Amino acid sequence: MSPRSSLALPALAALLVPAAAAAVFFYAPLEQTMGVVQKIFYFHLALALSAFLSFGVACGAGILYLLRRERRWDVAGAASVEIGVVFTALVLITGSLWARPIWNTWWTWDPRLTTSLILWLIYASCLILRSAVEEEGKRATYGAVVAVAGFLDVPIVFLSARVFRSIHPTVIRSDAVGLEPAMIWTLLLCLAAFLVLWAALFRLRCSLLHQEARVRDLQFQLER
């Protein structure tokens, strides 16, 4: 990978994320009922979908690792889980910041919030488990199993506000999108920005994890 190509995604993310923020605050119209606090929605939804992507990649990488036992799939899974946990934490934080003025509480045990917290706990536990196991093969196997099993909660989170009685708003429905055109364009820009940011972080983290693995291999060879 050339230095120029390795900088392409971070450079694009550095352009898109500020552009998305500018669109949120200076282009998207003010929502009449919720006011300025509604602008959290653009970041909140983009982070949530990026987190789903992370856990989907972790699940796929976990399956491939269990089938082929190749390090590259363990690295991809570990990087995806790390990014997904960070993004889900930001989803929970931005959700609480929105809920305080709208619902008059920082937190409620709503189905969407509860299943999202469970999702974060599952993958945070995956990271703790990985850090607690020293042997590489066992660490990769345990991490893959948790990543695959944990993904079962992703569709539950997505459907929770639609299937169960929930006070969480559902903006994007099967029959319509409850947003003005300018809001939709702003949301699409935010989604693009966070997906590019996700790709840049994923590539960077995979590179670092591969380098760490090579260092461990070298240390092992020197100690023999």
Foldseek 3Di string as FASTA:
>chain_A
DDPVVLCVLVVVLVVLQVVLVCLLVPPFDADPPLGNLCSLVLLLVLLLVLLLVLLVLLQVLLVVCVVPVDVLSLLLNVLSLVSSLVSLVVNLQSCLSSCCVPVVGSDDVFQLNVLSVVLSVLSVVLVVQLVVDDDPSVSSNSSSVSSNVSSVSSVSNVCRVPPDPGPDDDQDDPVDGNGDPSVVVSSVSSNVSVNSVSVSSSVVSSVVVVVVVVVVVVVVVVVD
